[in-house]
N, C-alpha and C. Protein backbone atom coordinates (compact mmCIF):
# COMPACT_ATOMS: atom_id res chain seq x y z
N UNK A 1 45.29 82.80 99.98
CA UNK A 1 45.64 81.56 100.65
C UNK A 1 47.47 81.99 101.30
N UNK A 2 48.10 82.42 102.14
CA UNK A 2 49.18 83.42 102.58
C UNK A 2 51.01 82.15 101.97
N UNK A 3 51.33 83.39 101.77
CA UNK A 3 52.55 82.59 101.53
C UNK A 3 53.26 82.50 103.07
N UNK A 4 53.87 80.77 102.08
CA UNK A 4 54.89 80.32 102.72
C UNK A 4 55.80 79.52 103.12
N UNK A 5 56.97 79.44 104.03
CA UNK A 5 58.18 77.88 103.64
C UNK A 5 57.59 77.07 102.85
N UNK A 6 58.60 76.51 102.20
CA UNK A 6 58.49 75.09 101.54
C UNK A 6 59.54 74.45 101.82
N UNK A 7 59.58 72.99 101.81
CA UNK A 7 60.98 72.20 102.26
C UNK A 7 60.98 71.45 101.10
N UNK A 8 61.72 70.80 99.91
CA UNK A 8 62.20 70.30 98.90
C UNK A 8 62.59 69.24 99.39
N UNK A 9 62.59 67.78 99.41
CA UNK A 9 64.06 66.97 99.38
C UNK A 9 64.63 66.13 98.26
N UNK A 10 65.27 65.43 97.94
CA UNK A 10 65.64 64.32 96.82
C UNK A 10 66.11 63.28 98.19
N UNK A 11 65.27 61.70 98.06
CA UNK A 11 65.34 61.28 99.09
C UNK A 11 65.97 60.14 98.45
N UNK A 12 66.63 59.19 98.84
CA UNK A 12 66.36 58.03 98.94
C UNK A 12 65.71 57.13 99.29
N UNK A 13 65.56 55.35 98.99
CA UNK A 13 63.82 54.92 99.88
C UNK A 13 64.17 55.05 101.48
N UNK A 14 65.94 54.86 101.89
CA UNK A 14 65.75 55.02 102.91
C UNK A 14 65.46 55.73 103.59
N UNK A 15 65.16 57.36 103.35
CA UNK A 15 64.53 59.07 103.49
C UNK A 15 66.17 58.88 103.55
N UNK A 16 67.37 59.06 103.33
CA UNK A 16 69.02 59.60 103.69
C UNK A 16 68.08 61.12 102.50
N UNK A 17 69.16 61.97 103.04
CA UNK A 17 68.18 63.35 102.00
C UNK A 17 70.14 63.29 101.28
N UNK A 18 69.76 63.24 99.64
CA UNK A 18 70.47 63.55 99.00
C UNK A 18 70.96 64.89 98.57
N UNK A 19 69.70 65.81 98.25
CA UNK A 19 70.12 66.90 98.05
C UNK A 19 68.86 67.78 98.24
N UNK A 20 68.64 68.67 99.21
CA UNK A 20 67.75 69.07 99.58
C UNK A 20 67.05 71.33 99.35
N UNK A 21 66.41 71.43 99.58
CA UNK A 21 66.25 72.98 99.65
C UNK A 21 64.57 74.17 99.58
N UNK A 22 64.40 75.64 99.63
CA UNK A 22 63.11 75.50 100.38
C UNK A 22 63.33 77.06 100.25
N UNK A 23 61.88 77.78 99.79
CA UNK A 23 61.87 78.60 99.48
C UNK A 23 59.87 78.70 99.51
N UNK A 24 59.80 80.17 98.84
CA UNK A 24 58.51 80.83 100.01
C UNK A 24 57.57 80.74 98.23
N UNK A 25 56.71 80.10 98.66
CA UNK A 25 54.97 79.99 97.74
C UNK A 25 53.71 79.79 99.10
N UNK A 26 53.29 79.91 97.48
CA UNK A 26 51.73 80.63 97.45
C UNK A 26 50.52 78.98 98.81
N UNK A 27 51.06 77.84 97.58
CA UNK A 27 50.04 76.52 97.08
C UNK A 27 51.64 75.41 96.59
N UNK A 28 50.42 74.91 97.43
CA UNK A 28 51.75 72.83 97.25
C UNK A 28 51.64 73.35 95.84
N UNK A 29 50.86 74.41 95.05
CA UNK A 29 51.44 74.14 93.15
C UNK A 29 52.56 74.21 93.13
N UNK A 30 51.82 76.05 93.45
CA UNK A 30 53.81 76.80 93.25
C UNK A 30 54.13 76.34 93.86
N UNK A 31 54.58 75.62 94.88
CA UNK A 31 55.92 74.71 95.50
C UNK A 31 56.72 74.35 93.83
N UNK A 32 55.44 73.39 94.16
CA UNK A 32 56.07 72.53 92.40
C UNK A 32 56.95 72.48 91.86
N UNK A 33 55.98 73.97 91.16
CA UNK A 33 56.68 74.84 89.92
C UNK A 33 57.88 75.68 90.67
N UNK A 34 58.00 76.14 91.11
CA UNK A 34 59.09 77.28 91.44
C UNK A 34 60.47 76.15 92.41
N UNK A 35 60.24 75.14 93.67
CA UNK A 35 60.60 74.58 94.53
C UNK A 35 61.14 72.62 94.09
N UNK A 36 60.53 72.54 93.83
CA UNK A 36 60.16 70.93 93.73
C UNK A 36 61.18 70.74 92.68
N UNK A 37 60.80 70.68 91.16
CA UNK A 37 60.73 71.29 89.34
C UNK A 37 62.40 71.97 89.60
N UNK A 38 63.29 72.93 89.77
CA UNK A 38 64.63 73.16 90.43
C UNK A 38 65.25 72.44 90.78
N UNK A 39 64.37 72.13 91.65
CA UNK A 39 65.69 70.88 91.92
C UNK A 39 66.20 69.43 91.66
N UNK A 40 64.70 69.00 91.28
CA UNK A 40 64.54 67.83 89.78
C UNK A 40 66.13 68.06 89.06
N UNK A 41 66.50 69.50 88.66
CA UNK A 41 66.94 70.18 87.21
C UNK A 41 67.70 70.07 88.29
N UNK A 42 68.58 70.68 88.91
CA UNK A 42 69.20 70.17 89.94
C UNK A 42 70.63 68.84 89.92
N UNK A 43 69.72 68.50 90.25
CA UNK A 43 69.77 66.84 90.59
C UNK A 43 70.62 66.57 89.52
N UNK A 44 70.03 66.78 88.61
CA UNK A 44 69.82 66.07 86.89
C UNK A 44 71.37 66.41 86.03
N UNK A 45 71.64 67.96 86.35
CA UNK A 45 72.88 68.56 86.42
C UNK A 45 74.31 67.79 87.67
N UNK A 46 74.12 68.10 87.71
CA UNK A 46 75.09 66.87 89.36
C UNK A 46 75.38 66.52 88.83
N UNK A 47 74.34 65.29 88.51
CA UNK A 47 74.62 63.31 88.22
C UNK A 47 75.57 63.68 87.71
N UNK A 48 74.64 64.77 86.32
CA UNK A 48 75.39 64.32 84.57
C UNK A 48 76.98 65.76 84.60
N UNK A 49 77.56 65.96 85.60
CA UNK A 49 78.85 67.15 85.77
C UNK A 49 78.98 65.93 86.92
N UNK A 50 78.75 64.68 87.00
CA UNK A 50 79.24 64.12 88.20
C UNK A 50 79.68 65.06 89.69
N UNK A 51 79.08 65.89 89.66
CA UNK A 51 79.69 66.87 91.13
C UNK A 51 79.59 65.90 92.25
N UNK A 52 77.52 64.89 92.14
CA UNK A 52 77.48 63.54 93.07
C UNK A 52 76.94 62.52 91.94
N UNK A 53 77.87 61.30 93.39
CA UNK A 53 77.25 60.10 92.46
C UNK A 53 76.27 59.25 92.50
N UNK A 54 76.17 57.92 91.66
CA UNK A 54 74.58 58.19 91.49
C UNK A 54 74.28 57.05 92.22
N UNK A 55 74.57 57.24 93.70
CA UNK A 55 73.63 55.99 94.65
C UNK A 55 74.06 57.57 95.84
N UNK A 56 73.71 56.66 96.59
CA UNK A 56 73.50 57.59 98.67
C UNK A 56 74.42 56.84 98.90
N UNK A 57 75.15 58.18 99.48
CA UNK A 57 76.12 57.75 100.66
C UNK A 57 75.91 57.28 101.71
N UNK A 58 75.07 57.10 101.52
CA UNK A 58 74.97 56.02 103.33
C UNK A 58 74.65 55.00 103.30
N UNK A 59 74.14 54.05 102.16
CA UNK A 59 73.23 52.74 102.23
C UNK A 59 73.08 52.49 100.55
N UNK A 60 73.96 53.09 99.74
CA UNK A 60 74.22 52.72 98.74
C UNK A 60 73.20 52.65 97.29
N UNK A 61 72.05 53.26 98.04
CA UNK A 61 70.81 53.15 96.34
C UNK A 61 71.45 53.86 96.14
N UNK A 62 70.89 53.40 94.26
CA UNK A 62 71.30 53.62 93.40
C UNK A 62 70.01 55.41 92.77
N UNK A 63 70.70 55.89 92.01
CA UNK A 63 69.33 57.04 92.11
C UNK A 63 68.62 57.04 91.44
N UNK A 64 67.81 56.04 90.34
CA UNK A 64 66.69 55.55 89.77
C UNK A 64 65.67 55.30 90.85
N UNK A 65 66.22 55.43 92.39
CA UNK A 65 65.30 54.96 93.43
C UNK A 65 64.57 56.10 94.66
N UNK A 66 66.34 57.34 93.98
CA UNK A 66 65.48 58.32 95.02
C UNK A 66 64.06 58.69 94.53
N UNK A 67 63.65 60.00 95.62
CA UNK A 67 62.46 60.52 95.53
C UNK A 67 62.07 61.87 95.59
N UNK A 68 61.29 62.24 94.92
CA UNK A 68 61.15 63.94 96.18
C UNK A 68 60.31 64.16 96.74
N UNK A 69 59.89 64.52 97.78
CA UNK A 69 59.39 65.32 99.23
C UNK A 69 59.69 66.48 99.34
N UNK A 70 58.38 66.36 99.10
CA UNK A 70 57.45 68.22 99.71
C UNK A 70 56.75 68.40 101.06
N UNK A 71 56.78 69.02 102.07
CA UNK A 71 55.60 69.70 102.83
C UNK A 71 56.57 71.23 103.39
N UNK A 72 55.59 71.55 103.86
CA UNK A 72 55.37 72.86 103.93
C UNK A 72 55.53 73.18 106.20
N UNK A 73 57.23 73.62 105.65
CA UNK A 73 57.64 75.08 107.01
C UNK A 73 56.50 74.96 107.39
N UNK A 74 56.44 75.75 109.14
CA UNK A 74 55.67 76.18 109.45
C UNK A 74 56.46 78.01 109.04
N UNK A 75 57.28 78.05 109.36
CA UNK A 75 57.53 79.62 109.46
C UNK A 75 57.18 80.14 107.83
N UNK A 76 57.07 81.81 107.86
CA UNK A 76 56.08 82.72 106.65
C UNK A 76 56.92 83.62 106.06
N UNK A 77 58.21 82.94 105.87
CA UNK A 77 59.08 83.52 105.15
C UNK A 77 60.49 83.13 105.21
N UNK A 78 61.15 83.69 103.95
CA UNK A 78 63.15 82.67 104.09
C UNK A 78 64.00 83.24 105.57
N UNK A 79 63.40 84.42 105.74
CA UNK A 79 64.12 84.96 106.44
C UNK A 79 63.81 84.07 108.01
N UNK A 80 62.64 83.60 108.04
CA UNK A 80 62.05 83.89 109.94
C UNK A 80 62.67 81.73 109.80
N UNK A 81 63.14 81.24 108.83
CA UNK A 81 63.79 79.83 108.13
C UNK A 81 64.83 79.70 108.22
N UNK A 82 65.82 80.64 108.10
CA UNK A 82 66.63 80.34 108.11
C UNK A 82 68.28 80.01 108.84
N UNK A 83 67.57 80.89 110.14
CA UNK A 83 67.96 80.16 111.57
C UNK A 83 68.87 78.40 111.68
N UNK A 84 67.20 78.28 111.08
CA UNK A 84 66.95 76.80 111.36
C UNK A 84 67.90 75.98 110.29
N UNK A 85 67.45 76.78 109.47
CA UNK A 85 67.39 75.80 108.09
C UNK A 85 68.87 75.70 108.05
N UNK A 86 69.68 76.86 108.21
CA UNK A 86 71.39 77.03 108.36
C UNK A 86 72.11 75.88 109.12
N UNK A 87 71.67 75.54 110.78
CA UNK A 87 72.20 74.89 111.49
C UNK A 87 71.39 73.30 111.36
N UNK A 88 70.52 73.19 110.27
CA UNK A 88 70.04 72.05 110.15
C UNK A 88 71.30 71.56 109.21
N UNK A 89 71.29 71.98 107.66
CA UNK A 89 71.95 72.28 107.12
C UNK A 89 74.44 71.92 107.83
N UNK A 90 74.44 72.44 108.63
CA UNK A 90 75.62 72.59 108.94
C UNK A 90 76.12 70.74 109.68
N UNK A 91 74.07 70.49 110.57
CA UNK A 91 74.38 68.70 111.20
C UNK A 91 74.04 68.19 109.17
N UNK A 92 73.92 68.21 108.85
CA UNK A 92 73.81 67.47 107.52
C UNK A 92 75.12 66.89 106.93
N UNK A 93 75.96 68.43 106.93
CA UNK A 93 77.66 68.14 106.31
C UNK A 93 78.04 67.51 107.24
N UNK A 94 78.09 67.35 109.12
CA UNK A 94 79.37 67.08 109.50
C UNK A 94 78.05 65.15 109.85
N UNK A 95 76.82 65.57 109.29
CA UNK A 95 76.87 63.50 109.07
C UNK A 95 77.35 63.38 107.63
N UNK A 96 77.32 64.38 106.88
CA UNK A 96 78.35 63.32 105.67
C UNK A 96 79.61 63.45 106.22
N UNK A 97 79.76 64.64 106.69
CA UNK A 97 81.71 63.74 106.17
C UNK A 97 81.48 62.06 107.73
N UNK A 98 80.86 62.42 109.11
CA UNK A 98 81.41 61.52 109.32
C UNK A 98 80.62 59.39 108.59
N UNK A 99 80.23 60.01 107.75
CA UNK A 99 78.77 58.20 107.08
C UNK A 99 79.52 58.05 105.59
N UNK A 100 79.07 59.11 105.20
CA UNK A 100 79.31 59.36 103.81
C UNK A 100 79.87 58.85 103.02
N UNK A 101 80.13 57.91 101.46
CA UNK A 101 80.31 56.93 101.05
C UNK A 101 81.15 56.52 101.62
N UNK A 102 81.04 55.48 102.98
CA UNK A 102 81.38 54.50 103.43
C UNK A 102 81.78 53.16 102.58
N UNK A 103 83.15 52.61 102.24
CA UNK A 103 83.46 51.20 101.64
C UNK A 103 82.33 50.77 101.77
N UNK A 104 81.74 49.35 101.34
CA UNK A 104 80.94 48.50 101.53
C UNK A 104 81.29 47.62 100.59
N UNK A 105 80.87 46.16 101.26
CA UNK A 105 80.75 45.21 100.68
C UNK A 105 79.79 44.41 100.27
N UNK A 106 79.08 45.24 99.85
CA UNK A 106 77.48 44.97 99.21
C UNK A 106 77.35 44.33 97.64
């Protein structure tokens, strides 16, 4: 099996992305080990240290409800994927700046 780029996302139940990362792996099992597991650890550390809040900034879903999603992309290398991933990252940052952590009455 050839190496491909995989994307892992920490998602709330409404599928709002809390944090994501990408990397190269030859299989789904390898991607879980080298991409998803480190993302889980990064989210746990960010929650523990207060870098991120324990709720989704868009829908207020609590951290206990968040799940991890893994998908293979069409890219064969991170070099090939980088321009599109950077564009998506910028779009997500703009969304967060506009809509994240809006005060709610719930």
